[in-house]
């Protein structure tokens, strides 16, 4: 059966979320480093970059200056980091070449360094000054799901330390299990009827949109582009006729989402809206995420299922997409000692 490993990992991710959120003490050393920093940089590639973007929004909302950068670009930039900066590198394997190189460069510039990885003893674990190892366990499928769940859940715990009145995390695992039972057949039909997809989100859901585009590109092999919600109207809408567009309408800007959806419908796009259960939107398909929307994790679970089910519908195996591997190494930059 194609996608068997991905399907199992998607389900296991709910238990991984529970394990992560119940072990608050494990994230505290990283929290101490955040508390001591003037600014936090999250670095990653692929899904790890989008995880870091979610984390940057969560920390910023808690009053901690934070931003996410592609590790591959951070290597070439003149990063404004010093001894008051914390650089957190994310990589499920801990071996991603660009991420290891970027962390090392930050360390040479005097920054405090930390890692979030699923692999104890990895190169990233060894090079970082402190490491949080996620409790996801071994993940066989190339399409990362439960490892992303663990890292995002850990970032919610991290941000929770710095904010009053944050989201209730006690029922997040159960909300993820509920997402496993949602009927996605209409949405699957919408996204598999075209080979072009846009994913739109705002705030932490821009990170979810990025992860959605990554998952669909990997699993279905269709072109997928993530954008901040309103950016679709600044050019790409001209290319949206016949496209499928995912809209994560989960941050309260209802008038904005309705405006964008109206424009997309007029342009000929098929729209799939992720919405709170008590809100409605005119779209090709809508998917209720729940109310209240405490975290991005149930939406991530829906995204994973949609990518998996879309791939299976197209007869493509999300466990082993062509040209991809569980981690990426770039020999051309491995071991470079860049200043």
Foldseek 3Di string as FASTA:
>chain_A
DFQPLLVVLLLLLLVLLVVLLVPLVLCVVVLVLQVQAQEEEEEEDQLSQLLQQLLQLLQVVLVHHYHYDYLQVLLVDPDPAAQRYEYEYEDQQLAFQSRLNSQVVNVVRHYQYEYEYQDPPHSNCVPHPYYRHRPSPDRQFLLDASSSSRSNSSSNSSSVVRHPPAFDSPCPSVLLVVLVPFDCVQVLVQQLQALEEEEEEDRSVLSVRSNLQSLQCLQQVGHYYYDHQVCCVVPVLLVQASYEYEYEPQDPPVVSVQVSQVSSVVSHHAYEYEYDPPDDHDGSYYHHSYPPPRDCSSVSSNSSVSSSVSNVVVVTHSRQGPPGDNHDYDVVNHPDDRD
